C-alpha atoms as a PDB file:
ATOM      1  CA  UNK A   1     -43.748   6.263  45.105  1.00  0.00           C
ATOM      2  CA  UNK A   2     -43.718   8.905  47.657  1.00  0.00           C
ATOM      3  CA  UNK A   3     -44.143   6.022  50.438  1.00  0.00           C
ATOM      4  CA  UNK A   4     -40.906   4.515  49.041  1.00  0.00           C
ATOM      5  CA  UNK A   5     -39.105   8.017  49.796  1.00  0.00           C
ATOM      6  CA  UNK A   6     -40.663   8.616  52.829  1.00  0.00           C
ATOM      7  CA  UNK A   7     -39.077   5.071  54.129  1.00  0.00           C
ATOM      8  CA  UNK A   8     -35.808   6.029  52.975  1.00  0.00           C
ATOM      9  CA  UNK A   9     -35.983   9.310  55.179  1.00  0.00           C
ATOM     10  CA  UNK A  10     -37.132   7.017  58.474  1.00  0.00           C
ATOM     11  CA  UNK A  11     -34.334   7.364  60.916  1.00  0.00           C
ATOM     12  CA  UNK A  12     -32.425   3.604  61.038  1.00  0.00           C
ATOM     13  CA  UNK A  13     -31.298   4.135  64.864  1.00  0.00           C
ATOM     14  CA  UNK A  14     -33.724   3.805  67.658  1.00  0.00           C
ATOM     15  CA  UNK A  15     -35.855   6.795  68.446  1.00  0.00           C
ATOM     16  CA  UNK A  16     -34.818   9.070  70.790  1.00  0.00           C
ATOM     17  CA  UNK A  17     -37.450  10.606  73.674  1.00  0.00           C
ATOM     18  CA  UNK A  18     -39.425  13.210  72.764  1.00  0.00           C
ATOM     19  CA  UNK A  19     -37.894  16.823  72.675  1.00  0.00           C
ATOM     20  CA  UNK A  20     -39.888  20.255  74.185  1.00  0.00           C
ATOM     21  CA  UNK A  21     -41.745  22.040  70.929  1.00  0.00           C
ATOM     22  CA  UNK A  22     -39.455  24.166  69.386  1.00  0.00           C
ATOM     23  CA  UNK A  23     -40.081  27.793  68.304  1.00  0.00           C
ATOM     24  CA  UNK A  24     -40.157  27.005  64.672  1.00  0.00           C
ATOM     25  CA  UNK A  25     -41.932  23.964  62.993  1.00  0.00           C
ATOM     26  CA  UNK A  26     -41.019  22.198  59.972  1.00  0.00           C
ATOM     27  CA  UNK A  27     -42.491  19.541  57.636  1.00  0.00           C
ATOM     28  CA  UNK A  28     -42.505  15.747  59.713  1.00  0.00           C
ATOM     29  CA  UNK A  29     -41.028  14.679  56.177  1.00  0.00           C
ATOM     30  CA  UNK A  30     -38.178  17.441  56.398  1.00  0.00           C
ATOM     31  CA  UNK A  31     -34.888  15.644  55.935  1.00  0.00           C
ATOM     32  CA  UNK A  32     -32.778  18.010  58.365  1.00  0.00           C
ATOM     33  CA  UNK A  33     -33.688  17.133  62.109  1.00  0.00           C
ATOM     34  CA  UNK A  34     -32.103  19.897  63.707  1.00  0.00           C
ATOM     35  CA  UNK A  35     -33.189  22.403  61.089  1.00  0.00           C
ATOM     36  CA  UNK A  36     -35.954  24.117  63.942  1.00  0.00           C
ATOM     37  CA  UNK A  37     -32.717  24.312  66.020  1.00  0.00           C
ATOM     38  CA  UNK A  38     -30.238  26.353  63.061  1.00  0.00           C
ATOM     39  CA  UNK A  39     -33.519  28.521  62.474  1.00  0.00           C
ATOM     40  CA  UNK A  40     -33.446  29.719  65.833  1.00  0.00           C
ATOM     41  CA  UNK A  41     -29.863  29.771  66.295  1.00  0.00           C
ATOM     42  CA  UNK A  42     -29.589  31.946  63.520  1.00  0.00           C
ATOM     43  CA  UNK A  43     -32.686  34.037  63.627  1.00  0.00           C
ATOM     44  CA  UNK A  44     -33.585  34.158  66.918  1.00  0.00           C
ATOM     45  CA  UNK A  45     -37.613  33.684  67.508  1.00  0.00           C
ATOM     46  CA  UNK A  46     -37.797  35.798  64.479  1.00  0.00           C
ATOM     47  CA  UNK A  47     -41.709  36.391  63.498  1.00  0.00           C
ATOM     48  CA  UNK A  48     -41.524  38.068  60.417  1.00  0.00           C
ATOM     49  CA  UNK A  49     -39.099  36.820  58.123  1.00  0.00           C
ATOM     50  CA  UNK A  50     -38.913  36.219  54.336  1.00  0.00           C
ATOM     51  CA  UNK A  51     -38.036  32.798  52.487  1.00  0.00           C
ATOM     52  CA  UNK A  52     -37.453  31.706  48.880  1.00  0.00           C
ATOM     53  CA  UNK A  53     -37.882  28.397  47.910  1.00  0.00           C
ATOM     54  CA  UNK A  54     -36.685  27.253  44.227  1.00  0.00           C
ATOM     55  CA  UNK A  55     -38.372  23.632  43.880  1.00  0.00           C
ATOM     56  CA  UNK A  56     -41.496  24.035  45.992  1.00  0.00           C
ATOM     57  CA  UNK A  57     -42.864  20.793  44.849  1.00  0.00           C
ATOM     58  CA  UNK A  58     -46.329  20.736  46.510  1.00  0.00           C
ATOM     59  CA  UNK A  59     -45.373  22.977  49.809  1.00  0.00           C
ATOM     60  CA  UNK A  60     -45.005  20.130  52.342  1.00  0.00           C
ATOM     61  CA  UNK A  61     -43.336  17.132  51.585  1.00  0.00           C
ATOM     62  CA  UNK A  62     -39.776  17.165  52.916  1.00  0.00           C
ATOM     63  CA  UNK A  63     -40.310  20.957  53.304  1.00  0.00           C
ATOM     64  CA  UNK A  64     -38.140  23.089  55.009  1.00  0.00           C
ATOM     65  CA  UNK A  65     -40.284  26.129  54.881  1.00  0.00           C
ATOM     66  CA  UNK A  66     -43.642  25.225  55.214  1.00  0.00           C
ATOM     67  CA  UNK A  67     -43.798  26.156  58.995  1.00  0.00           C
ATOM     68  CA  UNK A  68     -42.373  29.536  58.327  1.00  0.00           C
ATOM     69  CA  UNK A  69     -45.106  29.764  55.987  1.00  0.00           C
ATOM     70  CA  UNK A  70     -47.438  28.830  58.419  1.00  0.00           C
ATOM     71  CA  UNK A  71     -46.468  31.186  61.287  1.00  0.00           C
ATOM     72  CA  UNK A  72     -46.680  34.164  58.926  1.00  0.00           C
ATOM     73  CA  UNK A  73     -43.329  35.052  57.203  1.00  0.00           C
ATOM     74  CA  UNK A  74     -43.137  36.215  53.511  1.00  0.00           C
ATOM     75  CA  UNK A  75     -42.790  33.347  51.311  1.00  0.00           C
ATOM     76  CA  UNK A  76     -42.557  32.587  47.561  1.00  0.00           C
ATOM     77  CA  UNK A  77     -42.612  29.077  46.411  1.00  0.00           C
ATOM     78  CA  UNK A  78     -41.138  28.544  42.560  1.00  0.00           C
ATOM     79  CA  UNK A  79     -42.515  25.574  41.273  1.00  0.00           C
ATOM     80  CA  UNK A  80     -43.173  24.771  37.619  1.00  0.00           C
ATOM     81  CA  UNK A  81     -44.906  21.477  37.293  1.00  0.00           C
ATOM     82  CA  UNK A  82     -48.333  22.563  37.122  1.00  0.00           C
ATOM     83  CA  UNK A  83     -50.085  19.516  39.373  1.00  0.00           C
ATOM     84  CA  UNK A  84     -47.330  20.125  42.125  1.00  0.00           C
ATOM     85  CA  UNK A  85     -47.855  24.120  41.739  1.00  0.00           C
ATOM     86  CA  UNK A  86     -51.468  23.420  42.373  1.00  0.00           C
ATOM     87  CA  UNK A  87     -50.930  21.396  45.648  1.00  0.00           C
ATOM     88  CA  UNK A  88     -48.655  24.154  46.943  1.00  0.00           C
ATOM     89  CA  UNK A  89     -51.262  26.421  46.226  1.00  0.00           C
ATOM     90  CA  UNK A  90     -53.726  24.321  48.035  1.00  0.00           C
ATOM     91  CA  UNK A  91     -51.281  23.685  50.760  1.00  0.00           C
ATOM     92  CA  UNK A  92     -50.698  27.251  51.555  1.00  0.00           C
ATOM     93  CA  UNK A  93     -53.965  28.679  50.579  1.00  0.00           C
ATOM     94  CA  UNK A  94     -54.553  29.987  54.250  1.00  0.00           C
ATOM     95  CA  UNK A  95     -50.925  31.822  54.085  1.00  0.00           C
ATOM     96  CA  UNK A  96     -51.893  35.134  52.611  1.00  0.00           C
ATOM     97  CA  UNK A  97     -47.870  36.211  52.918  1.00  0.00           C
ATOM     98  CA  UNK A  98     -47.091  33.182  50.814  1.00  0.00           C
ATOM     99  CA  UNK A  99     -46.749  33.590  46.536  1.00  0.00           C
ATOM    100  CA  UNK A 100     -46.759  30.429  44.643  1.00  0.00           C
ATOM    101  CA  UNK A 101     -45.482  30.795  41.166  1.00  0.00           C
ATOM    102  CA  UNK A 102     -45.233  28.541  38.230  1.00  0.00           C
ATOM    103  CA  UNK A 103     -42.053  29.159  36.506  1.00  0.00           C
ATOM    104  CA  UNK A 104     -38.770  27.082  36.345  1.00  0.00           C
ATOM    105  CA  UNK A 105     -35.316  29.105  37.642  1.00  0.00           C
ATOM    106  CA  UNK A 106     -32.124  28.776  35.455  1.00  0.00           C
ATOM    107  CA  UNK A 107     -29.106  30.219  33.825  1.00  0.00           C
ATOM    108  CA  UNK A 108     -30.872  32.185  31.489  1.00  0.00           C
ATOM    109  CA  UNK A 109     -34.642  33.098  30.319  1.00  0.00           C
ATOM    110  CA  UNK A 110     -35.708  30.374  27.979  1.00  0.00           C
ATOM    111  CA  UNK A 111     -38.279  27.178  27.537  1.00  0.00           C
ATOM    112  CA  UNK A 112     -36.929  24.164  29.058  1.00  0.00           C
ATOM    113  CA  UNK A 113     -38.025  20.695  29.133  1.00  0.00           C
ATOM    114  CA  UNK A 114     -38.700  18.835  32.618  1.00  0.00           C
ATOM    115  CA  UNK A 115     -39.177  15.077  32.976  1.00  0.00           C
ATOM    116  CA  UNK A 116     -41.801  14.389  35.108  1.00  0.00           C
ATOM    117  CA  UNK A 117     -41.335  12.120  37.886  1.00  0.00           C
ATOM    118  CA  UNK A 118     -42.936  13.382  41.017  1.00  0.00           C
ATOM    119  CA  UNK A 119     -40.353  14.618  43.445  1.00  0.00           C
ATOM    120  CA  UNK A 120     -37.636  13.187  41.226  1.00  0.00           C
ATOM    121  CA  UNK A 121     -38.848  15.675  38.536  1.00  0.00           C
ATOM    122  CA  UNK A 122     -35.407  17.105  36.677  1.00  0.00           C
ATOM    123  CA  UNK A 123     -34.488  19.299  33.534  1.00  0.00           C
ATOM    124  CA  UNK A 124     -30.828  17.454  33.623  1.00  0.00           C
ATOM    125  CA  UNK A 125     -31.070  14.720  31.334  1.00  0.00           C
ATOM    126  CA  UNK A 126     -27.716  13.470  33.322  1.00  0.00           C
ATOM    127  CA  UNK A 127     -29.791  13.211  36.404  1.00  0.00           C
ATOM    128  CA  UNK A 128     -32.667  11.933  34.926  1.00  0.00           C
ATOM    129  CA  UNK A 129     -30.210   8.721  33.378  1.00  0.00           C
ATOM    130  CA  UNK A 130     -28.493   8.856  36.936  1.00  0.00           C
ATOM    131  CA  UNK A 131     -32.193   8.121  38.521  1.00  0.00           C
ATOM    132  CA  UNK A 132     -32.689   5.177  36.195  1.00  0.00           C
ATOM    133  CA  UNK A 133     -29.459   3.677  37.530  1.00  0.00           C
ATOM    134  CA  UNK A 134     -30.305   3.936  41.091  1.00  0.00           C
ATOM    135  CA  UNK A 135     -32.751   0.572  42.295  1.00  0.00           C
ATOM    136  CA  UNK A 136     -34.593   3.037  44.775  1.00  0.00           C
ATOM    137  CA  UNK A 137     -35.168   5.521  41.759  1.00  0.00           C
ATOM    138  CA  UNK A 138     -35.592   3.371  38.980  1.00  0.00           C
ATOM    139  CA  UNK A 139     -39.081   2.803  38.767  1.00  0.00           C
ATOM    140  CA  UNK A 140     -40.167   6.894  39.376  1.00  0.00           C
ATOM    141  CA  UNK A 141     -39.057   6.814  35.635  1.00  0.00           C
ATOM    142  CA  UNK A 142     -40.185   3.971  33.881  1.00  0.00           C
ATOM    143  CA  UNK A 143     -43.186   6.171  32.779  1.00  0.00           C
ATOM    144  CA  UNK A 144     -41.841   9.359  32.765  1.00  0.00           C
ATOM    145  CA  UNK A 145     -43.283  12.276  30.863  1.00  0.00           C
ATOM    146  CA  UNK A 146     -41.968  15.224  29.700  1.00  0.00           C
ATOM    147  CA  UNK A 147     -43.350  18.943  29.670  1.00  0.00           C
ATOM    148  CA  UNK A 148     -42.103  22.114  28.331  1.00  0.00           C
ATOM    149  CA  UNK A 149     -42.028  25.177  30.786  1.00  0.00           C
ATOM    150  CA  UNK A 150     -40.774  28.917  31.092  1.00  0.00           C
ATOM    151  CA  UNK A 151     -37.532  29.206  32.531  1.00  0.00           C
ATOM    152  CA  UNK A 152     -35.882  32.772  33.890  1.00  0.00           C
ATOM    153  CA  UNK A 153     -33.356  33.620  36.242  1.00  0.00           C
ATOM    154  CA  UNK A 154     -33.748  33.733  39.841  1.00  0.00           C
ATOM    155  CA  UNK A 155     -31.904  37.289  39.272  1.00  0.00           C
ATOM    156  CA  UNK A 156     -35.337  38.194  37.332  1.00  0.00           C
ATOM    157  CA  UNK A 157     -37.683  36.490  40.029  1.00  0.00           C
ATOM    158  CA  UNK A 158     -36.311  38.298  42.966  1.00  0.00           C
ATOM    159  CA  UNK A 159     -36.155  41.524  41.451  1.00  0.00           C
ATOM    160  CA  UNK A 160     -39.886  41.098  39.529  1.00  0.00           C
ATOM    161  CA  UNK A 161     -41.073  39.979  42.908  1.00  0.00           C
ATOM    162  CA  UNK A 162     -39.350  42.884  45.164  1.00  0.00           C
ATOM    163  CA  UNK A 163     -37.556  40.771  47.438  1.00  0.00           C
ATOM    164  CA  UNK A 164     -35.386  42.639  49.861  1.00  0.00           C
ATOM    165  CA  UNK A 165     -31.802  42.046  49.604  1.00  0.00           C
ATOM    166  CA  UNK A 166     -30.604  40.273  52.967  1.00  0.00           C
ATOM    167  CA  UNK A 167     -33.597  38.162  53.223  1.00  0.00           C
ATOM    168  CA  UNK A 168     -33.466  34.986  55.546  1.00  0.00           C
ATOM    169  CA  UNK A 169     -33.904  31.636  53.873  1.00  0.00           C
ATOM    170  CA  UNK A 170     -33.091  30.702  50.239  1.00  0.00           C
ATOM    171  CA  UNK A 171     -33.579  27.255  49.510  1.00  0.00           C
ATOM    172  CA  UNK A 172     -32.939  25.256  46.384  1.00  0.00           C
ATOM    173  CA  UNK A 173     -33.941  21.658  45.349  1.00  0.00           C
ATOM    174  CA  UNK A 174     -34.156  21.144  41.833  1.00  0.00           C
ATOM    175  CA  UNK A 175     -32.916  17.977  41.506  1.00  0.00           C
ATOM    176  CA  UNK A 176     -29.470  18.286  40.013  1.00  0.00           C
ATOM    177  CA  UNK A 177     -30.256  21.593  38.265  1.00  0.00           C
ATOM    178  CA  UNK A 178     -28.790  23.404  41.497  1.00  0.00           C
ATOM    179  CA  UNK A 179     -26.036  24.511  39.668  1.00  0.00           C
ATOM    180  CA  UNK A 180     -27.995  26.005  36.753  1.00  0.00           C
ATOM    181  CA  UNK A 181     -30.033  28.288  39.505  1.00  0.00           C
ATOM    182  CA  UNK A 182     -26.350  29.689  41.061  1.00  0.00           C
ATOM    183  CA  UNK A 183     -24.202  30.105  38.272  1.00  0.00           C
ATOM    184  CA  UNK A 184     -25.732  33.517  37.260  1.00  0.00           C
ATOM    185  CA  UNK A 185     -26.995  34.404  40.532  1.00  0.00           C
ATOM    186  CA  UNK A 186     -25.153  37.475  42.189  1.00  0.00           C
ATOM    187  CA  UNK A 187     -25.318  36.176  45.836  1.00  0.00           C
ATOM    188  CA  UNK A 188     -23.348  39.069  46.785  1.00  0.00           C
ATOM    189  CA  UNK A 189     -25.670  41.332  46.084  1.00  0.00           C
ATOM    190  CA  UNK A 190     -28.876  39.677  47.431  1.00  0.00           C
ATOM    191  CA  UNK A 191     -27.192  38.018  50.456  1.00  0.00           C
ATOM    192  CA  UNK A 192     -29.370  35.456  51.778  1.00  0.00           C
ATOM    193  CA  UNK A 193     -28.911  35.116  55.355  1.00  0.00           C
ATOM    194  CA  UNK A 194     -29.296  31.019  55.231  1.00  0.00           C
ATOM    195  CA  UNK A 195     -29.055  28.757  52.053  1.00  0.00           C
ATOM    196  CA  UNK A 196     -30.405  25.426  52.234  1.00  0.00           C
ATOM    197  CA  UNK A 197     -29.280  23.653  49.248  1.00  0.00           C
ATOM    198  CA  UNK A 198     -29.499  20.087  48.106  1.00  0.00           C
ATOM    199  CA  UNK A 199     -25.934  18.755  47.560  1.00  0.00           C
ATOM    200  CA  UNK A 200     -24.479  15.488  46.647  1.00  0.00           C
ATOM    201  CA  UNK A 201     -20.609  16.141  46.796  1.00  0.00           C
ATOM    202  CA  UNK A 202     -20.529  13.451  48.988  1.00  0.00           C
ATOM    203  CA  UNK A 203     -23.188  10.753  47.971  1.00  0.00           C
ATOM    204  CA  UNK A 204     -21.890   7.954  46.128  1.00  0.00           C
ATOM    205  CA  UNK A 205     -25.608   7.858  44.181  1.00  0.00           C
ATOM    206  CA  UNK A 206     -24.962  11.025  42.098  1.00  0.00           C
ATOM    207  CA  UNK A 207     -21.002  10.662  40.695  1.00  0.00           C
ATOM    208  CA  UNK A 208     -22.654  11.797  37.051  1.00  0.00           C
ATOM    209  CA  UNK A 209     -23.195  15.091  38.645  1.00  0.00           C
ATOM    210  CA  UNK A 210     -20.117  15.445  40.847  1.00  0.00           C
ATOM    211  CA  UNK A 211     -18.479  18.218  38.692  1.00  0.00           C
ATOM    212  CA  UNK A 212     -21.480  20.514  39.191  1.00  0.00           C
ATOM    213  CA  UNK A 213     -21.692  19.587  42.872  1.00  0.00           C
ATOM    214  CA  UNK A 214     -17.984  20.668  42.978  1.00  0.00           C
ATOM    215  CA  UNK A 215     -18.970  23.491  41.519  1.00  0.00           C
ATOM    216  CA  UNK A 216     -21.469  24.587  43.826  1.00  0.00           C
ATOM    217  CA  UNK A 217     -18.826  24.084  46.770  1.00  0.00           C
ATOM    218  CA  UNK A 218     -16.471  26.041  45.399  1.00  0.00           C
ATOM    219  CA  UNK A 219     -19.235  28.994  44.653  1.00  0.00           C
ATOM    220  CA  UNK A 220     -20.096  29.059  48.337  1.00  0.00           C
ATOM    221  CA  UNK A 221     -16.140  28.791  49.254  1.00  0.00           C
ATOM    222  CA  UNK A 222     -15.493  31.908  46.613  1.00  0.00           C
ATOM    223  CA  UNK A 223     -18.832  34.040  48.005  1.00  0.00           C
ATOM    224  CA  UNK A 224     -17.702  33.678  51.807  1.00  0.00           C
ATOM    225  CA  UNK A 225     -20.463  31.348  52.780  1.00  0.00           C
ATOM    226  CA  UNK A 226     -19.672  28.316  55.617  1.00  0.00           C
ATOM    227  CA  UNK A 227     -21.396  24.940  56.114  1.00  0.00           C
ATOM    228  CA  UNK A 228     -23.401  24.718  59.417  1.00  0.00           C
ATOM    229  CA  UNK A 229     -25.131  21.694  58.613  1.00  0.00           C
ATOM    230  CA  UNK A 230     -24.211  18.923  56.048  1.00  0.00           C
ATOM    231  CA  UNK A 231     -25.345  15.289  55.364  1.00  0.00           C
ATOM    232  CA  UNK A 232     -25.462  13.481  51.765  1.00  0.00           C
ATOM    233  CA  UNK A 233     -28.208  15.212  50.747  1.00  0.00           C
ATOM    234  CA  UNK A 234     -28.562  18.730  51.911  1.00  0.00           C
ATOM    235  CA  UNK A 235     -26.077  21.250  53.166  1.00  0.00           C
ATOM    236  CA  UNK A 236     -26.886  24.450  55.034  1.00  0.00           C
ATOM    237  CA  UNK A 237     -24.726  27.469  54.415  1.00  0.00           C
ATOM    238  CA  UNK A 238     -24.459  30.817  56.026  1.00  0.00           C
ATOM    239  CA  UNK A 239     -22.010  33.794  55.470  1.00  0.00           C
ATOM    240  CA  UNK A 240     -18.505  33.674  57.216  1.00  0.00           C
ATOM    241  CA  UNK A 241     -19.447  36.457  59.370  1.00  0.00           C
ATOM    242  CA  UNK A 242     -22.647  34.957  60.863  1.00  0.00           C
ATOM    243  CA  UNK A 243     -22.624  33.763  64.054  1.00  0.00           C
ATOM    244  CA  UNK A 244     -25.259  32.026  66.015  1.00  0.00           C
ATOM    245  CA  UNK A 245     -27.401  33.980  68.357  1.00  0.00           C
ATOM    246  CA  UNK A 246     -27.122  31.576  71.316  1.00  0.00           C
ATOM    247  CA  UNK A 247     -25.101  28.095  71.654  1.00  0.00           C
ATOM    248  CA  UNK A 248     -26.989  25.018  71.282  1.00  0.00           C
ATOM    249  CA  UNK A 249     -26.401  24.385  74.976  1.00  0.00           C
ATOM    250  CA  UNK A 250     -28.630  27.752  75.518  1.00  0.00           C
ATOM    251  CA  UNK A 251     -31.043  27.050  72.951  1.00  0.00           C
ATOM    252  CA  UNK A 252     -31.891  23.841  74.021  1.00  0.00           C
ATOM    253  CA  UNK A 253     -32.454  25.110  77.750  1.00  0.00           C
ATOM    254  CA  UNK A 254     -34.753  27.659  76.039  1.00  0.00           C
ATOM    255  CA  UNK A 255     -37.143  25.064  74.268  1.00  0.00           C
ATOM    256  CA  UNK A 256     -37.648  23.262  77.701  1.00  0.00           C
END
């Protein structure tokens, strides 16, 4: 199933000429091609930052942050599925500044049920029904099982782990549960400098969760965050008062 998802991520156009290496690295399966450039634009060549990834999966596949962990950033991977959590721990065993936590994140502290389907695992019944209706995802749910896991709020997690307000990167990728993560989160208090979120407000494959997606869009508007990158799967937000440290052209010149 991972191979099928990887095929969906492959570019459909002719490959571009190779670029000089960027300062920041990401996974080969990262879904945001210009993410290393965005990191450099907004953080400069920061060698010691902090990130939190809600829905860390195995710490590598489609990861937006594994390169940050590898270069020594303080990192927190939150992954409730035991098998995926173990793989994430193994992937980042050589990164001493990385913490991998086995817990789910949502709007309240309680026990929830996850429907297991590899990278399409979800706590949302509507999202699971949506996946079953999609040709490219249906097979992932043919033999799906479920487990109960502990859930806490993102607020409580950040407080418990003493994550500093104003940390650099927050990633949220929980297959339809993104609004459940954000709905009780005081982003004004924690003020992450960049938020990367799986958001399907313009994706025709995800009409069943369109209301939740629209709530996310409104949430960031109300909290003065703007979009700096967007496609059908991922949206990158930064605060409205945050501007690039260097222009794209300048960054391109520096990386050559």
